[in-house]
PDB file of N, CA and C in Angstrom:
ATOM      1  N   UNK A   1     -31.633 -30.911  -5.436  1.00  0.00           N
ATOM      2  CA  UNK A   1     -31.068 -29.593  -5.183  1.00  0.00           C
ATOM      3  C   UNK A   1     -32.170 -28.548  -5.366  1.00  0.00           C
ATOM      4  N   UNK A   2     -32.292 -27.609  -4.432  1.00  0.00           N
ATOM      5  CA  UNK A   2     -33.309 -26.565  -4.577  1.00  0.00           C
ATOM      6  C   UNK A   2     -33.123 -25.780  -5.873  1.00  0.00           C
ATOM      7  N   UNK A   3     -34.236 -25.342  -6.444  1.00  0.00           N
ATOM      8  CA  UNK A   3     -34.213 -24.627  -7.727  1.00  0.00           C
ATOM      9  C   UNK A   3     -33.316 -23.400  -7.684  1.00  0.00           C
ATOM     10  N   UNK A   4     -33.324 -22.649  -6.581  1.00  0.00           N
ATOM     11  CA  UNK A   4     -32.510 -21.435  -6.537  1.00  0.00           C
ATOM     12  C   UNK A   4     -31.027 -21.762  -6.650  1.00  0.00           C
ATOM     13  N   UNK A   5     -30.598 -22.917  -6.118  1.00  0.00           N
ATOM     14  CA  UNK A   5     -29.183 -23.293  -6.254  1.00  0.00           C
ATOM     15  C   UNK A   5     -28.856 -23.654  -7.694  1.00  0.00           C
ATOM     16  N   UNK A   6     -29.772 -24.349  -8.361  1.00  0.00           N
ATOM     17  CA  UNK A   6     -29.584 -24.644  -9.790  1.00  0.00           C
ATOM     18  C   UNK A   6     -29.466 -23.350 -10.577  1.00  0.00           C
ATOM     19  N   UNK A   7     -30.345 -22.391 -10.269  1.00  0.00           N
ATOM     20  CA  UNK A   7     -30.318 -21.104 -10.968  1.00  0.00           C
ATOM     21  C   UNK A   7     -29.021 -20.349 -10.682  1.00  0.00           C
ATOM     22  N   UNK A   8     -28.572 -20.394  -9.459  1.00  0.00           N
ATOM     23  CA  UNK A   8     -27.341 -19.703  -9.085  1.00  0.00           C
ATOM     24  C   UNK A   8     -26.132 -20.317  -9.792  1.00  0.00           C
ATOM     25  N   UNK A   9     -26.084 -21.638  -9.858  1.00  0.00           N
ATOM     26  CA  UNK A   9     -24.990 -22.299 -10.578  1.00  0.00           C
ATOM     27  C   UNK A   9     -25.028 -21.961 -12.064  1.00  0.00           C
ATOM     28  N   UNK A  10     -26.214 -21.940 -12.647  1.00  0.00           N
ATOM     29  CA  UNK A  10     -26.348 -21.569 -14.062  1.00  0.00           C
ATOM     30  C   UNK A  10     -25.903 -20.123 -14.274  1.00  0.00           C
ATOM     31  N   UNK A  11     -26.260 -19.243 -13.347  1.00  0.00           N
ATOM     32  CA  UNK A  11     -25.849 -17.843 -13.439  1.00  0.00           C
ATOM     33  C   UNK A  11     -24.328 -17.731 -13.400  1.00  0.00           C
ATOM     34  N   UNK A  12     -23.690 -18.482 -12.533  1.00  0.00           N
ATOM     35  CA  UNK A  12     -22.229 -18.484 -12.471  1.00  0.00           C
ATOM     36  C   UNK A  12     -21.610 -18.947 -13.774  1.00  0.00           C
ATOM     37  N   UNK A  13     -22.187 -19.967 -14.396  1.00  0.00           N
ATOM     38  CA  UNK A  13     -21.685 -20.443 -15.695  1.00  0.00           C
ATOM     39  C   UNK A  13     -21.817 -19.358 -16.758  1.00  0.00           C
ATOM     40  N   UNK A  14     -22.956 -18.685 -16.773  1.00  0.00           N
ATOM     41  CA  UNK A  14     -23.169 -17.602 -17.747  1.00  0.00           C
ATOM     42  C   UNK A  14     -22.149 -16.482 -17.540  1.00  0.00           C
ATOM     43  N   UNK A  15     -21.923 -16.118 -16.293  1.00  0.00           N
ATOM     44  CA  UNK A  15     -20.942 -15.065 -16.014  1.00  0.00           C
ATOM     45  C   UNK A  15     -19.549 -15.476 -16.480  1.00  0.00           C
ATOM     46  N   UNK A  16     -19.173 -16.716 -16.258  1.00  0.00           N
ATOM     47  CA  UNK A  16     -17.866 -17.190 -16.740  1.00  0.00           C
ATOM     48  C   UNK A  16     -17.796 -17.143 -18.261  1.00  0.00           C
ATOM     49  N   UNK A  17     -18.889 -17.474 -18.932  1.00  0.00           N
ATOM     50  CA  UNK A  17     -18.934 -17.440 -20.401  1.00  0.00           C
ATOM     51  C   UNK A  17     -18.733 -16.038 -20.953  1.00  0.00           C
ATOM     52  N   UNK A  18     -19.156 -15.017 -20.211  1.00  0.00           N
ATOM     53  CA  UNK A  18     -18.994 -13.637 -20.695  1.00  0.00           C
ATOM     54  C   UNK A  18     -17.717 -12.992 -20.158  1.00  0.00           C
ATOM     55  N   UNK A  19     -16.874 -13.803 -19.494  1.00  0.00           N
ATOM     56  CA  UNK A  19     -15.559 -13.316 -19.107  1.00  0.00           C
ATOM     57  C   UNK A  19     -15.390 -12.853 -17.674  1.00  0.00           C
ATOM     58  N   UNK A  20     -16.384 -13.071 -16.840  1.00  0.00           N
ATOM     59  CA  UNK A  20     -16.243 -12.691 -15.434  1.00  0.00           C
ATOM     60  C   UNK A  20     -15.776 -13.924 -14.670  1.00  0.00           C
ATOM     61  N   UNK A  21     -14.641 -13.807 -13.996  1.00  0.00           N
ATOM     62  CA  UNK A  21     -14.042 -14.926 -13.279  1.00  0.00           C
ATOM     63  C   UNK A  21     -14.812 -15.191 -11.989  1.00  0.00           C
ATOM     64  N   UNK A  22     -15.759 -16.105 -12.071  1.00  0.00           N
ATOM     65  CA  UNK A  22     -16.575 -16.468 -10.919  1.00  0.00           C
ATOM     66  C   UNK A  22     -16.140 -17.858 -10.470  1.00  0.00           C
ATOM     67  N   UNK A  23     -15.615 -17.948  -9.273  1.00  0.00           N
ATOM     68  CA  UNK A  23     -15.178 -19.243  -8.767  1.00  0.00           C
ATOM     69  C   UNK A  23     -16.084 -19.680  -7.619  1.00  0.00           C
ATOM     70  N   UNK A  24     -15.902 -20.910  -7.205  1.00  0.00           N
ATOM     71  CA  UNK A  24     -16.768 -21.508  -6.199  1.00  0.00           C
ATOM     72  C   UNK A  24     -16.829 -20.683  -4.917  1.00  0.00           C
ATOM     73  N   UNK A  25     -15.709 -20.142  -4.486  1.00  0.00           N
ATOM     74  CA  UNK A  25     -15.697 -19.344  -3.262  1.00  0.00           C
ATOM     75  C   UNK A  25     -16.612 -18.148  -3.347  1.00  0.00           C
ATOM     76  N   UNK A  26     -16.624 -17.493  -4.502  1.00  0.00           N
ATOM     77  CA  UNK A  26     -17.514 -16.337  -4.683  1.00  0.00           C
ATOM     78  C   UNK A  26     -18.976 -16.767  -4.669  1.00  0.00           C
ATOM     79  N   UNK A  27     -19.256 -17.905  -5.293  1.00  0.00           N
ATOM     80  CA  UNK A  27     -20.638 -18.384  -5.308  1.00  0.00           C
ATOM     81  C   UNK A  27     -21.087 -18.759  -3.896  1.00  0.00           C
ATOM     82  N   UNK A  28     -20.186 -19.328  -3.115  1.00  0.00           N
ATOM     83  CA  UNK A  28     -20.523 -19.638  -1.725  1.00  0.00           C
ATOM     84  C   UNK A  28     -20.760 -18.361  -0.928  1.00  0.00           C
ATOM     85  N   UNK A  29     -20.028 -17.289  -1.245  1.00  0.00           N
ATOM     86  CA  UNK A  29     -20.277 -15.997  -0.600  1.00  0.00           C
ATOM     87  C   UNK A  29     -21.692 -15.511  -0.896  1.00  0.00           C
ATOM     88  N   UNK A  30     -22.121 -15.678  -2.139  1.00  0.00           N
ATOM     89  CA  UNK A  30     -23.485 -15.273  -2.513  1.00  0.00           C
ATOM     90  C   UNK A  30     -24.502 -16.103  -1.731  1.00  0.00           C
ATOM     91  N   UNK A  31     -24.307 -17.416  -1.696  1.00  0.00           N
ATOM     92  CA  UNK A  31     -25.224 -18.283  -0.945  1.00  0.00           C
ATOM     93  C   UNK A  31     -25.284 -17.849   0.522  1.00  0.00           C
ATOM     94  N   UNK A  32     -24.144 -17.494   1.091  1.00  0.00           N
ATOM     95  CA  UNK A  32     -24.108 -17.041   2.478  1.00  0.00           C
ATOM     96  C   UNK A  32     -24.772 -15.696   2.698  1.00  0.00           C
ATOM     97  N   UNK A  33     -24.770 -14.857   1.670  1.00  0.00           N
ATOM     98  CA  UNK A  33     -25.359 -13.519   1.799  1.00  0.00           C
ATOM     99  C   UNK A  33     -26.873 -13.532   1.622  1.00  0.00           C
ATOM    100  N   UNK A  34     -27.387 -14.467   0.854  1.00  0.00           N
ATOM    101  CA  UNK A  34     -28.819 -14.455   0.530  1.00  0.00           C
ATOM    102  C   UNK A  34     -29.745 -14.487   1.746  1.00  0.00           C
ATOM    103  N   UNK A  35     -29.428 -15.209   2.811  1.00  0.00           N
ATOM    104  CA  UNK A  35     -30.340 -15.168   3.968  1.00  0.00           C
ATOM    105  C   UNK A  35     -30.408 -13.798   4.652  1.00  0.00           C
ATOM    106  N   UNK A  36     -29.491 -12.905   4.323  1.00  0.00           N
ATOM    107  CA  UNK A  36     -29.438 -11.600   4.980  1.00  0.00           C
ATOM    108  C   UNK A  36     -30.112 -10.496   4.176  1.00  0.00           C
ATOM    109  N   UNK A  37     -30.663 -10.867   3.025  1.00  0.00           N
ATOM    110  CA  UNK A  37     -31.353  -9.871   2.200  1.00  0.00           C
ATOM    111  C   UNK A  37     -32.761 -10.362   1.909  1.00  0.00           C
ATOM    112  N   UNK A  38     -33.556  -9.461   1.362  1.00  0.00           N
ATOM    113  CA  UNK A  38     -34.912  -9.816   0.926  1.00  0.00           C
ATOM    114  C   UNK A  38     -34.804 -10.360  -0.501  1.00  0.00           C
ATOM    115  N   UNK A  39     -34.820 -11.681  -0.661  1.00  0.00           N
ATOM    116  CA  UNK A  39     -34.626 -12.243  -1.994  1.00  0.00           C
ATOM    117  C   UNK A  39     -35.830 -12.019  -2.905  1.00  0.00           C
ATOM    118  N   UNK A  40     -36.928 -11.535  -2.364  1.00  0.00           N
ATOM    119  CA  UNK A  40     -38.069 -11.168  -3.201  1.00  0.00           C
ATOM    120  C   UNK A  40     -37.850  -9.810  -3.863  1.00  0.00           C
ATOM    121  N   UNK A  41     -36.860  -9.076  -3.406  1.00  0.00           N
ATOM    122  CA  UNK A  41     -36.548  -7.753  -3.955  1.00  0.00           C
ATOM    123  C   UNK A  41     -35.419  -7.902  -4.976  1.00  0.00           C
ATOM    124  N   UNK A  42     -35.758  -7.794  -6.255  1.00  0.00           N
ATOM    125  CA  UNK A  42     -34.777  -7.995  -7.331  1.00  0.00           C
ATOM    126  C   UNK A  42     -33.575  -7.076  -7.192  1.00  0.00           C
ATOM    127  N   UNK A  43     -33.800  -5.824  -6.768  1.00  0.00           N
ATOM    128  CA  UNK A  43     -32.689  -4.884  -6.621  1.00  0.00           C
ATOM    129  C   UNK A  43     -31.707  -5.353  -5.548  1.00  0.00           C
ATOM    130  N   UNK A  44     -32.216  -5.873  -4.455  1.00  0.00           N
ATOM    131  CA  UNK A  44     -31.326  -6.364  -3.401  1.00  0.00           C
ATOM    132  C   UNK A  44     -30.501  -7.549  -3.893  1.00  0.00           C
ATOM    133  N   UNK A  45     -31.140  -8.465  -4.613  1.00  0.00           N
ATOM    134  CA  UNK A  45     -30.415  -9.624  -5.148  1.00  0.00           C
ATOM    135  C   UNK A  45     -29.381  -9.160  -6.162  1.00  0.00           C
ATOM    136  N   UNK A  46     -29.770  -8.257  -7.055  1.00  0.00           N
ATOM    137  CA  UNK A  46     -28.856  -7.719  -8.065  1.00  0.00           C
ATOM    138  C   UNK A  46     -27.620  -7.101  -7.415  1.00  0.00           C
ATOM    139  N   UNK A  47     -27.838  -6.194  -6.471  1.00  0.00           N
ATOM    140  CA  UNK A  47     -26.708  -5.484  -5.865  1.00  0.00           C
ATOM    141  C   UNK A  47     -25.839  -6.404  -5.009  1.00  0.00           C
ATOM    142  N   UNK A  48     -26.450  -7.377  -4.365  1.00  0.00           N
ATOM    143  CA  UNK A  48     -25.668  -8.341  -3.590  1.00  0.00           C
ATOM    144  C   UNK A  48     -24.786  -9.166  -4.510  1.00  0.00           C
ATOM    145  N   UNK A  49     -25.371  -9.696  -5.566  1.00  0.00           N
ATOM    146  CA  UNK A  49     -24.589 -10.505  -6.513  1.00  0.00           C
ATOM    147  C   UNK A  49     -23.516  -9.661  -7.204  1.00  0.00           C
ATOM    148  N   UNK A  50     -23.871  -8.462  -7.596  1.00  0.00           N
ATOM    149  CA  UNK A  50     -22.892  -7.595  -8.268  1.00  0.00           C
ATOM    150  C   UNK A  50     -21.731  -7.276  -7.345  1.00  0.00           C
ATOM    151  N   UNK A  51     -22.023  -6.980  -6.089  1.00  0.00           N
ATOM    152  CA  UNK A  51     -20.960  -6.646  -5.139  1.00  0.00           C
ATOM    153  C   UNK A  51     -20.013  -7.820  -4.922  1.00  0.00           C
ATOM    154  N   UNK A  52     -20.546  -9.031  -4.961  1.00  0.00           N
ATOM    155  CA  UNK A  52     -19.728 -10.203  -4.665  1.00  0.00           C
ATOM    156  C   UNK A  52     -19.092 -10.845  -5.894  1.00  0.00           C
ATOM    157  N   UNK A  53     -19.654 -10.616  -7.072  1.00  0.00           N
ATOM    158  CA  UNK A  53     -19.189 -11.345  -8.249  1.00  0.00           C
ATOM    159  C   UNK A  53     -18.456 -10.486  -9.286  1.00  0.00           C
ATOM    160  N   UNK A  54     -18.670  -9.189  -9.255  1.00  0.00           N
ATOM    161  CA  UNK A  54     -18.017  -8.297 -10.220  1.00  0.00           C
ATOM    162  C   UNK A  54     -16.724  -7.775  -9.605  1.00  0.00           C
ATOM    163  N   UNK A  55     -15.645  -7.863 -10.381  1.00  0.00           N
ATOM    164  CA  UNK A  55     -14.322  -7.490  -9.866  1.00  0.00           C
ATOM    165  C   UNK A  55     -13.882  -6.085 -10.258  1.00  0.00           C
ATOM    166  N   UNK A  56     -14.597  -5.425 -11.138  1.00  0.00           N
ATOM    167  CA  UNK A  56     -14.234  -4.072 -11.543  1.00  0.00           C
ATOM    168  C   UNK A  56     -15.348  -3.453 -12.365  1.00  0.00           C
ATOM    169  N   UNK A  57     -15.342  -2.131 -12.499  1.00  0.00           N
ATOM    170  CA  UNK A  57     -16.431  -1.444 -13.207  1.00  0.00           C
ATOM    171  C   UNK A  57     -16.550  -1.861 -14.670  1.00  0.00           C
ATOM    172  N   UNK A  58     -15.461  -2.311 -15.261  1.00  0.00           N
ATOM    173  CA  UNK A  58     -15.512  -2.721 -16.666  1.00  0.00           C
ATOM    174  C   UNK A  58     -16.339  -4.003 -16.859  1.00  0.00           C
ATOM    175  N   UNK A  59     -16.594  -4.736 -15.785  1.00  0.00           N
ATOM    176  CA  UNK A  59     -17.369  -5.981 -15.874  1.00  0.00           C
ATOM    177  C   UNK A  59     -18.871  -5.762 -15.665  1.00  0.00           C
ATOM    178  N   UNK A  60     -19.261  -4.578 -15.246  1.00  0.00           N
ATOM    179  CA  UNK A  60     -20.677  -4.321 -14.969  1.00  0.00           C
ATOM    180  C   UNK A  60     -21.541  -4.505 -16.212  1.00  0.00           C
ATOM    181  N   UNK A  61     -21.158  -3.996 -17.397  1.00  0.00           N
ATOM    182  CA  UNK A  61     -22.016  -4.227 -18.569  1.00  0.00           C
ATOM    183  C   UNK A  61     -22.217  -5.717 -18.875  1.00  0.00           C
ATOM    184  N   UNK A  62     -21.177  -6.519 -18.755  1.00  0.00           N
ATOM    185  CA  UNK A  62     -21.320  -7.963 -18.991  1.00  0.00           C
ATOM    186  C   UNK A  62     -22.220  -8.581 -17.929  1.00  0.00           C
ATOM    187  N   UNK A  63     -22.061  -8.164 -16.686  1.00  0.00           N
ATOM    188  CA  UNK A  63     -22.914  -8.668 -15.599  1.00  0.00           C
ATOM    189  C   UNK A  63     -24.374  -8.310 -15.869  1.00  0.00           C
ATOM    190  N   UNK A  64     -24.610  -7.096 -16.315  1.00  0.00           N
ATOM    191  CA  UNK A  64     -25.983  -6.644 -16.551  1.00  0.00           C
ATOM    192  C   UNK A  64     -26.658  -7.366 -17.715  1.00  0.00           C
ATOM    193  N   UNK A  65     -25.876  -7.828 -18.676  1.00  0.00           N
ATOM    194  CA  UNK A  65     -26.472  -8.584 -19.790  1.00  0.00           C
ATOM    195  C   UNK A  65     -26.967  -9.911 -19.281  1.00  0.00           C
TER     196      UNK A  65
END
């Protein structure tokens, strides 16, 4: 498995541990979005993942940790 997929799965586990309900469908949405952004740009990756994985403003601090 490519390293980025391992990292993405680990990130999903961490988000679930801090209380953000991340399910497989959302992770697949992220995988589908990554080819459309510049993954070398941390801000683009951050905002893409946040848009797809955070369900409300109260979850942003947990996501940012």
